C-alpha atoms as a PDB file:
ATOM      1  CA  MET A   1      39.596  -0.035 -15.251  1.00  0.00           C
ATOM      2  CA  ALA A   2      40.927   0.018 -11.714  1.00  0.00           C
ATOM      3  CA  VAL A   3      38.556   0.423  -8.799  1.00  0.00           C
ATOM      4  CA  ASN A   4      39.690   2.825  -6.127  1.00  0.00           C
ATOM      5  CA  SER A   5      38.289   1.500  -2.867  1.00  0.00           C
ATOM      6  CA  GLY A   6      39.690   4.486  -0.959  1.00  0.00           C
ATOM      7  CA  LEU A   7      37.594   7.161  -2.699  1.00  0.00           C
ATOM      8  CA  ARG A   8      37.808  10.576  -1.093  1.00  0.00           C
ATOM      9  CA  ILE A   9      34.898  12.958  -1.124  1.00  0.00           C
ATOM     10  CA  SER A  10      35.948  16.587  -1.205  1.00  0.00           C
ATOM     11  CA  GLY A  11      35.377  18.393   2.039  1.00  0.00           C
ATOM     12  CA  TYR A  12      35.762  15.222   4.116  1.00  0.00           C
ATOM     13  CA  GLN A  13      38.982  13.910   5.623  1.00  0.00           C
ATOM     14  CA  ARG A  14      37.922  10.280   5.946  1.00  0.00           C
ATOM     15  CA  PRO A  15      38.181   7.925   2.949  1.00  0.00           C
ATOM     16  CA  VAL A  16      34.979   6.210   1.834  1.00  0.00           C
ATOM     17  CA  ASP A  17      35.198   2.512   0.987  1.00  0.00           C
ATOM     18  CA  LEU A  18      32.139   1.840  -1.189  1.00  0.00           C
ATOM     19  CA  ILE A  19      32.822  -1.889  -1.458  1.00  0.00           C
ATOM     20  CA  GLU A  20      32.953  -2.243   2.331  1.00  0.00           C
ATOM     21  CA  ILE A  21      29.674  -0.317   2.711  1.00  0.00           C
ATOM     22  CA  ALA A  22      27.953  -2.514   0.131  1.00  0.00           C
ATOM     23  CA  GLN A  23      29.214  -5.693   1.797  1.00  0.00           C
ATOM     24  CA  ARG A  24      28.225  -4.461   5.252  1.00  0.00           C
ATOM     25  CA  THR A  25      24.717  -3.647   4.021  1.00  0.00           C
ATOM     26  CA  GLN A  26      24.352  -7.120   2.494  1.00  0.00           C
ATOM     27  CA  ALA A  27      25.677  -8.797   5.644  1.00  0.00           C
ATOM     28  CA  THR A  28      23.164  -7.046   7.900  1.00  0.00           C
ATOM     29  CA  GLY A  29      20.299  -7.817   5.523  1.00  0.00           C
ATOM     30  CA  GLN A  30      19.425  -4.192   4.971  1.00  0.00           C
ATOM     31  CA  GLN A  31      17.992  -3.273   1.634  1.00  0.00           C
ATOM     32  CA  GLN A  32      18.453   0.169   0.295  1.00  0.00           C
ATOM     33  CA  LYS A  33      15.082   1.491  -0.778  1.00  0.00           C
ATOM     34  CA  PRO A  34      14.884   4.866  -2.394  1.00  0.00           C
ATOM     35  CA  ASP A  35      13.236   7.521  -0.325  1.00  0.00           C
ATOM     36  CA  GLY A  36       9.542   7.473  -1.165  1.00  0.00           C
ATOM     37  CA  SER A  37       7.501   5.161  -3.307  1.00  0.00           C
ATOM     38  CA  SER A  38       6.932   4.751  -6.975  1.00  0.00           C
ATOM     39  CA  PHE A  39       4.980   7.443  -8.772  1.00  0.00           C
ATOM     40  CA  LYS A  40       1.997   5.119  -9.155  1.00  0.00           C
ATOM     41  CA  GLU A  41       1.889   4.403  -5.408  1.00  0.00           C
ATOM     42  CA  MET A  42       2.303   8.069  -4.499  1.00  0.00           C
ATOM     43  CA  PHE A  43      -0.412   9.086  -6.959  1.00  0.00           C
ATOM     44  CA  SER A  44      -2.890   6.504  -5.651  1.00  0.00           C
ATOM     45  CA  GLN A  45      -2.131   7.511  -2.060  1.00  0.00           C
ATOM     46  CA  GLU A  46      -2.769  11.144  -2.909  1.00  0.00           C
ATOM     47  CA  MET A  47      -6.053  10.321  -4.622  1.00  0.00           C
ATOM     48  CA  ALA A  48      -7.150   8.161  -1.690  1.00  0.00           C
ATOM     49  CA  SER A  49      -6.258  10.854   0.817  1.00  0.00           C
ATOM     50  CA  SER A  50      -8.386  13.342  -1.100  1.00  0.00           C
ATOM     51  CA  HIS A  51     -11.321  11.012  -0.377  1.00  0.00           C
ATOM     52  CA  ASN A  52     -10.222  10.523   3.251  1.00  0.00           C
ATOM     53  CA  ILE A  53      -9.385   6.840   2.720  1.00  0.00           C
ATOM     54  CA  ALA A  54      -6.170   5.165   3.842  1.00  0.00           C
ATOM     55  CA  PHE A  55      -4.738   1.911   2.517  1.00  0.00           C
ATOM     56  CA  SER A  56      -2.735  -0.424   4.720  1.00  0.00           C
ATOM     57  CA  ARG A  57       0.564  -1.716   3.438  1.00  0.00           C
ATOM     58  CA  HIS A  58      -1.068  -5.119   3.009  1.00  0.00           C
ATOM     59  CA  ALA A  59      -3.851  -3.587   0.890  1.00  0.00           C
ATOM     60  CA  HIS A  60      -1.287  -1.781  -1.284  1.00  0.00           C
ATOM     61  CA  GLU A  61       0.571  -5.048  -1.813  1.00  0.00           C
ATOM     62  CA  ARG A  62      -2.661  -6.837  -2.763  1.00  0.00           C
ATOM     63  CA  LEU A  63      -3.636  -4.112  -5.226  1.00  0.00           C
ATOM     64  CA  TYR A  64      -0.224  -4.324  -6.857  1.00  0.00           C
ATOM     65  CA  SER A  65       0.074  -8.129  -6.888  1.00  0.00           C
ATOM     66  CA  ARG A  66      -3.414  -8.567  -8.312  1.00  0.00           C
ATOM     67  CA  GLY A  67      -3.023  -5.835 -10.895  1.00  0.00           C
ATOM     68  CA  LEU A  68      -5.952  -3.800  -9.584  1.00  0.00           C
ATOM     69  CA  THR A  69      -6.189  -0.078 -10.179  1.00  0.00           C
ATOM     70  CA  LEU A  70      -8.651   2.339  -8.659  1.00  0.00           C
ATOM     71  CA  SER A  71     -10.006   5.265 -10.596  1.00  0.00           C
ATOM     72  CA  ASP A  72     -11.169   8.479  -8.982  1.00  0.00           C
ATOM     73  CA  GLU A  73     -14.758   7.291  -9.517  1.00  0.00           C
ATOM     74  CA  SER A  74     -13.985   3.977  -7.761  1.00  0.00           C
ATOM     75  CA  LEU A  75     -12.505   5.851  -4.818  1.00  0.00           C
ATOM     76  CA  LYS A  76     -15.612   8.058  -4.611  1.00  0.00           C
ATOM     77  CA  SER A  77     -17.805   4.948  -4.546  1.00  0.00           C
ATOM     78  CA  LEU A  78     -15.587   3.369  -1.910  1.00  0.00           C
ATOM     79  CA  ALA A  79     -15.737   6.511   0.243  1.00  0.00           C
ATOM     80  CA  GLY A  80     -19.533   6.586  -0.108  1.00  0.00           C
ATOM     81  CA  ALA A  81     -19.767   2.935   0.945  1.00  0.00           C
ATOM     82  CA  ILE A  82     -17.614   3.648   3.999  1.00  0.00           C
ATOM     83  CA  ASP A  83     -19.916   6.548   4.889  1.00  0.00           C
ATOM     84  CA  LYS A  84     -22.972   4.255   4.620  1.00  0.00           C
ATOM     85  CA  ALA A  85     -21.350   1.614   6.827  1.00  0.00           C
ATOM     86  CA  ASP A  86     -20.360   4.283   9.351  1.00  0.00           C
ATOM     87  CA  ALA A  87     -23.930   5.626   9.469  1.00  0.00           C
ATOM     88  CA  LYS A  88     -25.115   2.112  10.402  1.00  0.00           C
ATOM     89  CA  GLY A  89     -22.505   1.774  13.156  1.00  0.00           C
ATOM     90  CA  SER A  90     -20.326  -0.781  11.412  1.00  0.00           C
ATOM     91  CA  LYS A  91     -16.767  -1.408  12.594  1.00  0.00           C
ATOM     92  CA  GLU A  92     -15.379  -3.792   9.953  1.00  0.00           C
ATOM     93  CA  THR A  93     -17.144  -4.050   6.615  1.00  0.00           C
ATOM     94  CA  LEU A  94     -16.823  -5.905   3.351  1.00  0.00           C
ATOM     95  CA  ILE A  95     -17.375  -3.612   0.369  1.00  0.00           C
ATOM     96  CA  LEU A  96     -18.205  -5.420  -2.865  1.00  0.00           C
ATOM     97  CA  SER A  97     -17.739  -3.714  -6.208  1.00  0.00           C
ATOM     98  CA  ASP A  98     -17.860  -5.057  -9.769  1.00  0.00           C
ATOM     99  CA  ASP A  99     -14.093  -5.610  -9.906  1.00  0.00           C
ATOM    100  CA  ALA A 100     -12.976  -6.136  -6.313  1.00  0.00           C
ATOM    101  CA  ALA A 101     -13.890  -6.572  -2.677  1.00  0.00           C
ATOM    102  CA  PHE A 102     -12.427  -4.479   0.130  1.00  0.00           C
ATOM    103  CA  VAL A 103     -12.281  -5.245   3.841  1.00  0.00           C
ATOM    104  CA  VAL A 104     -12.361  -1.863   5.574  1.00  0.00           C
ATOM    105  CA  SER A 105     -11.911  -0.646   9.123  1.00  0.00           C
ATOM    106  CA  VAL A 106     -14.755   1.848   9.171  1.00  0.00           C
ATOM    107  CA  PRO A 107     -13.754   4.010  12.187  1.00  0.00           C
ATOM    108  CA  ASN A 108     -10.221   4.412  10.764  1.00  0.00           C
ATOM    109  CA  ARG A 109     -11.423   4.672   7.141  1.00  0.00           C
ATOM    110  CA  THR A 110      -8.617   2.247   6.266  1.00  0.00           C
ATOM    111  CA  VAL A 111      -8.733  -0.464   3.620  1.00  0.00           C
ATOM    112  CA  ILE A 112      -7.239  -3.530   5.304  1.00  0.00           C
ATOM    113  CA  THR A 113      -7.122  -5.909   2.346  1.00  0.00           C
ATOM    114  CA  VAL A 114      -8.351  -6.234  -1.214  1.00  0.00           C
ATOM    115  CA  PHE A 115      -9.611  -9.236  -3.186  1.00  0.00           C
ATOM    116  CA  ASP A 116     -10.102  -9.477  -6.921  1.00  0.00           C
ATOM    117  CA  ARG A 117     -13.057 -11.467  -8.283  1.00  0.00           C
ATOM    118  CA  ASP A 118     -11.106 -14.722  -8.668  1.00  0.00           C
ATOM    119  CA  ASN A 119      -9.657 -14.687  -5.151  1.00  0.00           C
ATOM    120  CA  LEU A 120     -12.984 -13.756  -3.583  1.00  0.00           C
ATOM    121  CA  ARG A 121     -14.643 -16.853  -5.015  1.00  0.00           C
ATOM    122  CA  GLU A 122     -12.052 -19.075  -3.360  1.00  0.00           C
ATOM    123  CA  GLY A 123     -12.102 -17.628   0.145  1.00  0.00           C
ATOM    124  CA  VAL A 124     -14.064 -16.947   3.261  1.00  0.00           C
ATOM    125  CA  VAL A 125     -14.125 -13.445   4.719  1.00  0.00           C
ATOM    126  CA  THR A 126     -14.212 -13.357   8.512  1.00  0.00           C
ATOM    127  CA  ALA A 127     -14.261 -10.708  11.231  1.00  0.00           C
ATOM    128  CA  ILE A 128     -16.693  -8.389   9.473  1.00  0.00           C
ATOM    129  CA  ASP A 129     -19.975  -7.072  10.829  1.00  0.00           C
ATOM    130  CA  SER A 130     -21.489  -5.747   7.604  1.00  0.00           C
ATOM    131  CA  ALA A 131     -21.316  -5.754   3.832  1.00  0.00           C
ATOM    132  CA  VAL A 132     -21.950  -2.916   1.386  1.00  0.00           C
ATOM    133  CA  ILE A 133     -22.517  -3.532  -2.319  1.00  0.00           C
ATOM    134  CA  ILE A 134     -21.520  -0.731  -4.680  1.00  0.00           C
END
């Protein structure tokens, strides 16, 4: 099968060289990512936004890499814990649940990072001014 590197797209006068475009993209280090995220990410973002909670990119990566999932009930508990911390004037809080721990920016209602049980035992959490246990 012969590859035609001078492919023409109807309605355009200029030939398109797909091989050149692919090589140029690799040379500049650009990665083509489809518009939007996976369904799972979009669904979790939508659920979190319904509870007025945002997740940083870092927190999303930690959830994914550690295999953690959040149910609607977990998000409700997390939102309630953020409300409690906000009522006490907290700025950065550690929220401990049965399955995970969340470091949250309370004024922004943004989860900064997430720990699972195993990683929490190994580390020290700094730069927090409160903790909420749910």
